Amino acid sequence: GIPTDFLRAEATDGSASEPTEQFH
């Protein structure tokens, strides 16, 4: 869900890494 006002607002990449889930 994205509030509609965010679509016209300035947005940086804000990239964030996430650990990859692995099976034992």
mmCIF file of all heavy atoms, coordinates in Angstrom:
data_MODEL
# 
_entry.id   MODEL 
# 
loop_
_atom_site.group_PDB 
_atom_site.id 
_atom_site.type_symbol 
_atom_site.label_atom_id 
_atom_site.label_alt_id 
_atom_site.label_comp_id 
_atom_site.label_asym_id 
_atom_site.label_entity_id 
_atom_site.label_seq_id 
_atom_site.pdbx_PDB_ins_code 
_atom_site.Cartn_x 
_atom_site.Cartn_y 
_atom_site.Cartn_z 
_atom_site.occupancy 
_atom_site.B_iso_or_equiv 
_atom_site.pdbx_formal_charge 
_atom_site.auth_seq_id 
_atom_site.auth_comp_id 
_atom_site.auth_asym_id 
_atom_site.auth_atom_id 
_atom_site.pdbx_PDB_model_num 
ATOM 1   N N   . GLY A 1 1  ? 0.828  -1.196  0.000   1.00 0.00 ? 1  GLY A N   1 
ATOM 2   C CA  . GLY A 1 1  ? 0.000  0.000   0.000   1.00 0.00 ? 1  GLY A CA  1 
ATOM 3   C C   . GLY A 1 1  ? 0.866  1.250   0.000   1.00 0.00 ? 1  GLY A C   1 
ATOM 4   O O   . GLY A 1 1  ? 1.816  1.350   0.799   1.00 0.00 ? 1  GLY A O   1 
ATOM 5   N N   . ILE A 1 2  ? 0.568  2.186   -0.890  1.00 0.00 ? 2  ILE A N   1 
ATOM 6   C CA  . ILE A 1 2  ? 1.352  3.412   -0.995  1.00 0.00 ? 2  ILE A CA  1 
ATOM 7   C C   . ILE A 1 2  ? 0.403  4.613   -0.930  1.00 0.00 ? 2  ILE A C   1 
ATOM 8   O O   . ILE A 1 2  ? -0.448 4.779   -1.814  1.00 0.00 ? 2  ILE A O   1 
ATOM 9   C CB  . ILE A 1 2  ? 2.139  3.473   -2.321  1.00 0.00 ? 2  ILE A CB  1 
ATOM 10  C CG1 . ILE A 1 2  ? 3.018  2.230   -2.497  1.00 0.00 ? 2  ILE A CG1 1 
ATOM 11  C CG2 . ILE A 1 2  ? 2.989  4.745   -2.382  1.00 0.00 ? 2  ILE A CG2 1 
ATOM 12  C CD1 . ILE A 1 2  ? 3.752  2.190   -3.828  1.00 0.00 ? 2  ILE A CD1 1 
ATOM 13  N N   . PRO A 1 3  ? 0.507  5.450   0.085   1.00 0.00 ? 3  PRO A N   1 
ATOM 14  C CA  . PRO A 1 3  ? -0.310 6.671   0.113   1.00 0.00 ? 3  PRO A CA  1 
ATOM 15  C C   . PRO A 1 3  ? -0.082 7.489   -1.159  1.00 0.00 ? 3  PRO A C   1 
ATOM 16  O O   . PRO A 1 3  ? 1.062  7.662   -1.607  1.00 0.00 ? 3  PRO A O   1 
ATOM 17  C CB  . PRO A 1 3  ? 0.180  7.406   1.360   1.00 0.00 ? 3  PRO A CB  1 
ATOM 18  C CG  . PRO A 1 3  ? 0.698  6.310   2.254   1.00 0.00 ? 3  PRO A CG  1 
ATOM 19  C CD  . PRO A 1 3  ? 1.324  5.313   1.315   1.00 0.00 ? 3  PRO A CD  1 
ATOM 20  N N   . THR A 1 4  ? -1.142 7.980   -1.718  1.00 0.00 ? 4  THR A N   1 
ATOM 21  C CA  . THR A 1 4  ? -1.052 8.601   -3.045  1.00 0.00 ? 4  THR A CA  1 
ATOM 22  C C   . THR A 1 4  ? -0.147 9.822   -3.078  1.00 0.00 ? 4  THR A C   1 
ATOM 23  O O   . THR A 1 4  ? 0.495  10.104  -4.097  1.00 0.00 ? 4  THR A O   1 
ATOM 24  C CB  . THR A 1 4  ? -2.466 8.963   -3.543  1.00 0.00 ? 4  THR A CB  1 
ATOM 25  O OG1 . THR A 1 4  ? -2.373 9.506   -4.848  1.00 0.00 ? 4  THR A OG1 1 
ATOM 26  C CG2 . THR A 1 4  ? -3.147 9.976   -2.629  1.00 0.00 ? 4  THR A CG2 1 
ATOM 27  N N   . ASP A 1 5  ? -0.045 10.573  -1.977  1.00 0.00 ? 5  ASP A N   1 
ATOM 28  C CA  . ASP A 1 5  ? 0.801  11.770  -1.998  1.00 0.00 ? 5  ASP A CA  1 
ATOM 29  C C   . ASP A 1 5  ? 2.275  11.422  -2.122  1.00 0.00 ? 5  ASP A C   1 
ATOM 30  O O   . ASP A 1 5  ? 3.071  12.243  -2.575  1.00 0.00 ? 5  ASP A O   1 
ATOM 31  C CB  . ASP A 1 5  ? 0.547  12.649  -0.774  1.00 0.00 ? 5  ASP A CB  1 
ATOM 32  C CG  . ASP A 1 5  ? 0.663  11.893  0.539   1.00 0.00 ? 5  ASP A CG  1 
ATOM 33  O OD1 . ASP A 1 5  ? 0.151  10.760  0.625   1.00 0.00 ? 5  ASP A OD1 1 
ATOM 34  O OD2 . ASP A 1 5  ? 1.251  12.441  1.501   1.00 0.00 ? 5  ASP A OD2 1 
ATOM 35  N N   . PHE A 1 6  ? 2.661  10.194  -1.750  1.00 0.00 ? 6  PHE A N   1 
ATOM 36  C CA  . PHE A 1 6  ? 4.063  9.784   -1.871  1.00 0.00 ? 6  PHE A CA  1 
ATOM 37  C C   . PHE A 1 6  ? 4.470  9.630   -3.340  1.00 0.00 ? 6  PHE A C   1 
ATOM 38  O O   . PHE A 1 6  ? 5.654  9.674   -3.658  1.00 0.00 ? 6  PHE A O   1 
ATOM 39  C CB  . PHE A 1 6  ? 4.306  8.457   -1.155  1.00 0.00 ? 6  PHE A CB  1 
ATOM 40  C CG  . PHE A 1 6  ? 4.195  8.508   0.342   1.00 0.00 ? 6  PHE A CG  1 
ATOM 41  C CD1 . PHE A 1 6  ? 4.316  7.356   1.096   1.00 0.00 ? 6  PHE A CD1 1 
ATOM 42  C CD2 . PHE A 1 6  ? 3.976  9.715   1.001   1.00 0.00 ? 6  PHE A CD2 1 
ATOM 43  C CE1 . PHE A 1 6  ? 4.219  7.388   2.480   1.00 0.00 ? 6  PHE A CE1 1 
ATOM 44  C CE2 . PHE A 1 6  ? 3.861  9.762   2.386   1.00 0.00 ? 6  PHE A CE2 1 
ATOM 45  C CZ  . PHE A 1 6  ? 3.988  8.595   3.125   1.00 0.00 ? 6  PHE A CZ  1 
ATOM 46  N N   . LEU A 1 7  ? 3.492  9.415   -4.221  1.00 0.00 ? 7  LEU A N   1 
ATOM 47  C CA  . LEU A 1 7  ? 3.815  9.184   -5.626  1.00 0.00 ? 7  LEU A CA  1 
ATOM 48  C C   . LEU A 1 7  ? 4.321  10.455  -6.301  1.00 0.00 ? 7  LEU A C   1 
ATOM 49  O O   . LEU A 1 7  ? 5.101  10.388  -7.258  1.00 0.00 ? 7  LEU A O   1 
ATOM 50  C CB  . LEU A 1 7  ? 2.597  8.649   -6.379  1.00 0.00 ? 7  LEU A CB  1 
ATOM 51  C CG  . LEU A 1 7  ? 2.077  7.293   -5.920  1.00 0.00 ? 7  LEU A CG  1 
ATOM 52  C CD1 . LEU A 1 7  ? 0.808  6.937   -6.676  1.00 0.00 ? 7  LEU A CD1 1 
ATOM 53  C CD2 . LEU A 1 7  ? 3.141  6.205   -6.111  1.00 0.00 ? 7  LEU A CD2 1 
ATOM 54  N N   . ARG A 1 8  ? 3.893  11.612  -5.824  1.00 0.00 ? 8  ARG A N   1 
ATOM 55  C CA  . ARG A 1 8  ? 4.334  12.886  -6.403  1.00 0.00 ? 8  ARG A CA  1 
ATOM 56  C C   . ARG A 1 8  ? 5.462  13.527  -5.593  1.00 0.00 ? 8  ARG A C   1 
ATOM 57  O O   . ARG A 1 8  ? 6.084  14.495  -6.046  1.00 0.00 ? 8  ARG A O   1 
ATOM 58  C CB  . ARG A 1 8  ? 3.160  13.858  -6.501  1.00 0.00 ? 8  ARG A CB  1 
ATOM 59  C CG  . ARG A 1 8  ? 2.129  13.453  -7.566  1.00 0.00 ? 8  ARG A CG  1 
ATOM 60  C CD  . ARG A 1 8  ? 1.109  14.572  -7.805  1.00 0.00 ? 8  ARG A CD  1 
ATOM 61  N NE  . ARG A 1 8  ? 0.284  14.303  -8.975  1.00 0.00 ? 8  ARG A NE  1 
ATOM 62  C CZ  . ARG A 1 8  ? -0.866 13.634  -8.943  1.00 0.00 ? 8  ARG A CZ  1 
ATOM 63  N NH1 . ARG A 1 8  ? -1.312 13.158  -7.787  1.00 0.00 ? 8  ARG A NH1 1 
ATOM 64  N NH2 . ARG A 1 8  ? -1.555 13.436  -10.061 1.00 0.00 ? 8  ARG A NH2 1 
ATOM 65  N N   . ALA A 1 9  ? 5.706  12.975  -4.419  1.00 0.00 ? 9  ALA A N   1 
ATOM 66  C CA  . ALA A 1 9  ? 6.759  13.530  -3.575  1.00 0.00 ? 9  ALA A CA  1 
ATOM 67  C C   . ALA A 1 9  ? 8.130  13.103  -4.083  1.00 0.00 ? 9  ALA A C   1 
ATOM 68  O O   . ALA A 1 9  ? 8.277  12.121  -4.812  1.00 0.00 ? 9  ALA A O   1 
ATOM 69  C CB  . ALA A 1 9  ? 6.566  13.060  -2.134  1.00 0.00 ? 9  ALA A CB  1 
ATOM 70  N N   . GLU A 1 10 ? 9.166  13.862  -3.697  1.00 0.00 ? 10 GLU A N   1 
ATOM 71  C CA  . GLU A 1 10 ? 10.528 13.482  -4.042  1.00 0.00 ? 10 GLU A CA  1 
ATOM 72  C C   . GLU A 1 10 ? 10.912 12.235  -3.255  1.00 0.00 ? 10 GLU A C   1 
ATOM 73  O O   . GLU A 1 10 ? 10.631 12.112  -2.058  1.00 0.00 ? 10 GLU A O   1 
ATOM 74  C CB  . GLU A 1 10 ? 11.493 14.624  -3.716  1.00 0.00 ? 10 GLU A CB  1 
ATOM 75  C CG  . GLU A 1 10 ? 12.930 14.333  -4.108  1.00 0.00 ? 10 GLU A CG  1 
ATOM 76  C CD  . GLU A 1 10 ? 13.848 15.513  -3.842  1.00 0.00 ? 10 GLU A CD  1 
ATOM 77  O OE1 . GLU A 1 10 ? 13.340 16.592  -3.479  1.00 0.00 ? 10 GLU A OE1 1 
ATOM 78  O OE2 . GLU A 1 10 ? 15.076 15.338  -3.989  1.00 0.00 ? 10 GLU A OE2 1 
ATOM 79  N N   . ALA A 1 11 ? 11.569 11.287  -3.938  1.00 0.00 ? 11 ALA A N   1 
ATOM 80  C CA  . ALA A 1 11 ? 11.937 10.028  -3.288  1.00 0.00 ? 11 ALA A CA  1 
ATOM 81  C C   . ALA A 1 11 ? 13.361 9.667   -3.673  1.00 0.00 ? 11 ALA A C   1 
ATOM 82  O O   . ALA A 1 11 ? 13.703 9.626   -4.857  1.00 0.00 ? 11 ALA A O   1 
ATOM 83  C CB  . ALA A 1 11 ? 10.985 8.909   -3.708  1.00 0.00 ? 11 ALA A CB  1 
ATOM 84  N N   . THR A 1 12 ? 14.182 9.402   -2.673  1.00 0.00 ? 12 THR A N   1 
ATOM 85  C CA  . THR A 1 12 ? 15.527 8.886   -2.931  1.00 0.00 ? 12 THR A CA  1 
ATOM 86  C C   . THR A 1 12 ? 15.453 7.366   -3.027  1.00 0.00 ? 12 THR A C   1 
ATOM 87  O O   . THR A 1 12 ? 14.423 6.753   -2.747  1.00 0.00 ? 12 THR A O   1 
ATOM 88  C CB  . THR A 1 12 ? 16.485 9.293   -1.808  1.00 0.00 ? 12 THR A CB  1 
ATOM 89  O OG1 . THR A 1 12 ? 16.037 8.703   -0.581  1.00 0.00 ? 12 THR A OG1 1 
ATOM 90  C CG2 . THR A 1 12 ? 16.522 10.809  -1.659  1.00 0.00 ? 12 THR A CG2 1 
ATOM 91  N N   . ASP A 1 13 ? 16.599 6.752   -3.377  1.00 0.00 ? 13 ASP A N   1 
ATOM 92  C CA  . ASP A 1 13 ? 16.593 5.299   -3.549  1.00 0.00 ? 13 ASP A CA  1 
ATOM 93  C C   . ASP A 1 13 ? 16.351 4.597   -2.227  1.00 0.00 ? 13 ASP A C   1 
ATOM 94  O O   . ASP A 1 13 ? 15.589 3.648   -2.148  1.00 0.00 ? 13 ASP A O   1 
ATOM 95  C CB  . ASP A 1 13 ? 17.912 4.839   -4.176  1.00 0.00 ? 13 ASP A CB  1 
ATOM 96  C CG  . ASP A 1 13 ? 17.861 3.396   -4.634  1.00 0.00 ? 13 ASP A CG  1 
ATOM 97  O OD1 . ASP A 1 13 ? 16.796 2.773   -4.501  1.00 0.00 ? 13 ASP A OD1 1 
ATOM 98  O OD2 . ASP A 1 13 ? 18.863 2.890   -5.135  1.00 0.00 ? 13 ASP A OD2 1 
ATOM 99  N N   . GLY A 1 14 ? 16.998 5.052   -1.175  1.00 0.00 ? 14 GLY A N   1 
ATOM 100 C CA  . GLY A 1 14 ? 16.772 4.442   0.126   1.00 0.00 ? 14 GLY A CA  1 
ATOM 101 C C   . GLY A 1 14 ? 17.006 2.956   0.143   1.00 0.00 ? 14 GLY A C   1 
ATOM 102 O O   . GLY A 1 14 ? 16.342 2.233   0.869   1.00 0.00 ? 14 GLY A O   1 
ATOM 103 N N   . SER A 1 15 ? 17.915 2.464   -0.666  1.00 0.00 ? 15 SER A N   1 
ATOM 104 C CA  . SER A 1 15 ? 18.114 1.027   -0.815  1.00 0.00 ? 15 SER A CA  1 
ATOM 105 C C   . SER A 1 15 ? 18.586 0.414   0.490   1.00 0.00 ? 15 SER A C   1 
ATOM 106 O O   . SER A 1 15 ? 19.430 0.967   1.186   1.00 0.00 ? 15 SER A O   1 
ATOM 107 C CB  . SER A 1 15 ? 19.126 0.753   -1.929  1.00 0.00 ? 15 SER A CB  1 
ATOM 108 O OG  . SER A 1 15 ? 19.290 -0.617  -2.118  1.00 0.00 ? 15 SER A OG  1 
ATOM 109 N N   . ALA A 1 16 ? 18.030 -0.736  0.807   1.00 0.00 ? 16 ALA A N   1 
ATOM 110 C CA  . ALA A 1 16 ? 18.421 -1.445  2.027   1.00 0.00 ? 16 ALA A CA  1 
ATOM 111 C C   . ALA A 1 16 ? 18.550 -2.926  1.710   1.00 0.00 ? 16 ALA A C   1 
ATOM 112 O O   . ALA A 1 16 ? 17.684 -3.498  1.077   1.00 0.00 ? 16 ALA A O   1 
ATOM 113 C CB  . ALA A 1 16 ? 17.388 -1.229  3.132   1.00 0.00 ? 16 ALA A CB  1 
ATOM 114 N N   . SER A 1 17 ? 19.652 -3.497  2.123   1.00 0.00 ? 17 SER A N   1 
ATOM 115 C CA  . SER A 1 17 ? 19.852 -4.927  1.874   1.00 0.00 ? 17 SER A CA  1 
ATOM 116 C C   . SER A 1 17 ? 19.125 -5.736  2.929   1.00 0.00 ? 17 SER A C   1 
ATOM 117 O O   . SER A 1 17 ? 18.875 -5.267  4.037   1.00 0.00 ? 17 SER A O   1 
ATOM 118 C CB  . SER A 1 17 ? 21.338 -5.259  1.874   1.00 0.00 ? 17 SER A CB  1 
ATOM 119 O OG  . SER A 1 17 ? 21.897 -4.959  3.140   1.00 0.00 ? 17 SER A OG  1 
ATOM 120 N N   . GLU A 1 18 ? 18.808 -6.975  2.560   1.00 0.00 ? 18 GLU A N   1 
ATOM 121 C CA  . GLU A 1 18 ? 18.090 -7.860  3.465   1.00 0.00 ? 18 GLU A CA  1 
ATOM 122 C C   . GLU A 1 18 ? 18.730 -9.231  3.377   1.00 0.00 ? 18 GLU A C   1 
ATOM 123 O O   . GLU A 1 18 ? 19.076 -9.696  2.283   1.00 0.00 ? 18 GLU A O   1 
ATOM 124 C CB  . GLU A 1 18 ? 16.624 -7.949  3.034   1.00 0.00 ? 18 GLU A CB  1 
ATOM 125 C CG  . GLU A 1 18 ? 15.682 -8.250  4.174   1.00 0.00 ? 18 GLU A CG  1 
ATOM 126 C CD  . GLU A 1 18 ? 14.248 -8.282  3.682   1.00 0.00 ? 18 GLU A CD  1 
ATOM 127 O OE1 . GLU A 1 18 ? 13.675 -7.207  3.460   1.00 0.00 ? 18 GLU A OE1 1 
ATOM 128 O OE2 . GLU A 1 18 ? 13.715 -9.384  3.510   1.00 0.00 ? 18 GLU A OE2 1 
ATOM 129 N N   . PRO A 1 19 ? 18.964 -9.908  4.487   1.00 0.00 ? 19 PRO A N   1 
ATOM 130 C CA  . PRO A 1 19 ? 19.593 -11.225 4.411   1.00 0.00 ? 19 PRO A CA  1 
ATOM 131 C C   . PRO A 1 19 ? 18.731 -12.211 3.621   1.00 0.00 ? 19 PRO A C   1 
ATOM 132 O O   . PRO A 1 19 ? 17.516 -12.179 3.692   1.00 0.00 ? 19 PRO A O   1 
ATOM 133 C CB  . PRO A 1 19 ? 19.704 -11.655 5.888   1.00 0.00 ? 19 PRO A CB  1 
ATOM 134 C CG  . PRO A 1 19 ? 18.697 -10.809 6.604   1.00 0.00 ? 19 PRO A CG  1 
ATOM 135 C CD  . PRO A 1 19 ? 18.620 -9.525  5.856   1.00 0.00 ? 19 PRO A CD  1 
ATOM 136 N N   . THR A 1 20 ? 19.397 -13.031 2.859   1.00 0.00 ? 20 THR A N   1 
ATOM 137 C CA  . THR A 1 20 ? 18.699 -14.042 2.073   1.00 0.00 ? 20 THR A CA  1 
ATOM 138 C C   . THR A 1 20 ? 18.367 -15.234 2.963   1.00 0.00 ? 20 THR A C   1 
ATOM 139 O O   . THR A 1 20 ? 19.244 -15.764 3.661   1.00 0.00 ? 20 THR A O   1 
ATOM 140 C CB  . THR A 1 20 ? 19.567 -14.518 0.890   1.00 0.00 ? 20 THR A CB  1 
ATOM 141 O OG1 . THR A 1 20 ? 19.887 -13.383 0.098   1.00 0.00 ? 20 THR A OG1 1 
ATOM 142 C CG2 . THR A 1 20 ? 18.828 -15.539 0.046   1.00 0.00 ? 20 THR A CG2 1 
ATOM 143 N N   . GLU A 1 21 ? 17.108 -15.644 2.929   1.00 0.00 ? 21 GLU A N   1 
ATOM 144 C CA  . GLU A 1 21 ? 16.696 -16.784 3.734   1.00 0.00 ? 21 GLU A CA  1 
ATOM 145 C C   . GLU A 1 21 ? 17.239 -18.070 3.113   1.00 0.00 ? 21 GLU A C   1 
ATOM 146 O O   . GLU A 1 21 ? 17.126 -18.297 1.914   1.00 0.00 ? 21 GLU A O   1 
ATOM 147 C CB  . GLU A 1 21 ? 15.171 -16.849 3.816   1.00 0.00 ? 21 GLU A CB  1 
ATOM 148 C CG  . GLU A 1 21 ? 14.666 -17.969 4.709   1.00 0.00 ? 21 GLU A CG  1 
ATOM 149 C CD  . GLU A 1 21 ? 13.154 -18.025 4.755   1.00 0.00 ? 21 GLU A CD  1 
ATOM 150 O OE1 . GLU A 1 21 ? 12.528 -18.241 3.701   1.00 0.00 ? 21 GLU A OE1 1 
ATOM 151 O OE2 . GLU A 1 21 ? 12.597 -17.851 5.849   1.00 0.00 ? 21 GLU A OE2 1 
ATOM 152 N N   . GLN A 1 22 ? 17.857 -18.884 3.933   1.00 0.00 ? 22 GLN A N   1 
ATOM 153 C CA  . GLN A 1 22 ? 18.385 -20.147 3.460   1.00 0.00 ? 22 GLN A CA  1 
ATOM 154 C C   . GLN A 1 22 ? 17.898 -21.269 4.362   1.00 0.00 ? 22 GLN A C   1 
ATOM 155 O O   . GLN A 1 22 ? 17.660 -21.082 5.548   1.00 0.00 ? 22 GLN A O   1 
ATOM 156 C CB  . GLN A 1 22 ? 19.916 -20.129 3.435   1.00 0.00 ? 22 GLN A CB  1 
ATOM 157 C CG  . GLN A 1 22 ? 20.494 -19.132 2.436   1.00 0.00 ? 22 GLN A CG  1 
ATOM 158 C CD  . GLN A 1 22 ? 22.006 -19.206 2.393   1.00 0.00 ? 22 GLN A CD  1 
ATOM 159 O OE1 . GLN A 1 22 ? 22.641 -19.772 3.282   1.00 0.00 ? 22 GLN A OE1 1 
ATOM 160 N NE2 . GLN A 1 22 ? 22.588 -18.637 1.355   1.00 0.00 ? 22 GLN A NE2 1 
ATOM 161 N N   . PHE A 1 23 ? 17.768 -22.442 3.765   1.00 0.00 ? 23 PHE A N   1 
ATOM 162 C CA  . PHE A 1 23 ? 17.390 -23.612 4.544   1.00 0.00 ? 23 PHE A CA  1 
ATOM 163 C C   . PHE A 1 23 ? 18.637 -24.228 5.172   1.00 0.00 ? 23 PHE A C   1 
ATOM 164 O O   . PHE A 1 23 ? 19.732 -24.171 4.601   1.00 0.00 ? 23 PHE A O   1 
ATOM 165 C CB  . PHE A 1 23 ? 16.719 -24.661 3.647   1.00 0.00 ? 23 PHE A CB  1 
ATOM 166 C CG  . PHE A 1 23 ? 15.459 -24.183 3.004   1.00 0.00 ? 23 PHE A CG  1 
ATOM 167 C CD1 . PHE A 1 23 ? 15.415 -23.889 1.646   1.00 0.00 ? 23 PHE A CD1 1 
ATOM 168 C CD2 . PHE A 1 23 ? 14.299 -24.028 3.737   1.00 0.00 ? 23 PHE A CD2 1 
ATOM 169 C CE1 . PHE A 1 23 ? 14.256 -23.454 1.048   1.00 0.00 ? 23 PHE A CE1 1 
ATOM 170 C CE2 . PHE A 1 23 ? 13.135 -23.585 3.144   1.00 0.00 ? 23 PHE A CE2 1 
ATOM 171 C CZ  . PHE A 1 23 ? 13.118 -23.301 1.797   1.00 0.00 ? 23 PHE A CZ  1 
ATOM 172 N N   . HIS A 1 24 ? 18.449 -24.813 6.351   1.00 0.00 ? 24 HIS A N   1 
ATOM 173 C CA  . HIS A 1 24 ? 19.528 -25.605 6.917   1.00 0.00 ? 24 HIS A CA  1 
ATOM 174 C C   . HIS A 1 24 ? 19.728 -26.826 6.028   1.00 0.00 ? 24 HIS A C   1 
ATOM 175 O O   . HIS A 1 24 ? 18.759 -27.496 5.660   1.00 0.00 ? 24 HIS A O   1 
ATOM 176 C CB  . HIS A 1 24 ? 19.182 -26.033 8.345   1.00 0.00 ? 24 HIS A CB  1 
ATOM 177 C CG  . HIS A 1 24 ? 19.096 -24.884 9.306   1.00 0.00 ? 24 HIS A CG  1 
ATOM 178 N ND1 . HIS A 1 24 ? 20.192 -24.126 9.646   1.00 0.00 ? 24 HIS A ND1 1 
ATOM 179 C CD2 . HIS A 1 24 ? 18.055 -24.359 9.994   1.00 0.00 ? 24 HIS A CD2 1 
ATOM 180 C CE1 . HIS A 1 24 ? 19.829 -23.184 10.510  1.00 0.00 ? 24 HIS A CE1 1 
ATOM 181 N NE2 . HIS A 1 24 ? 18.531 -23.299 10.720  1.00 0.00 ? 24 HIS A NE2 1 
# 
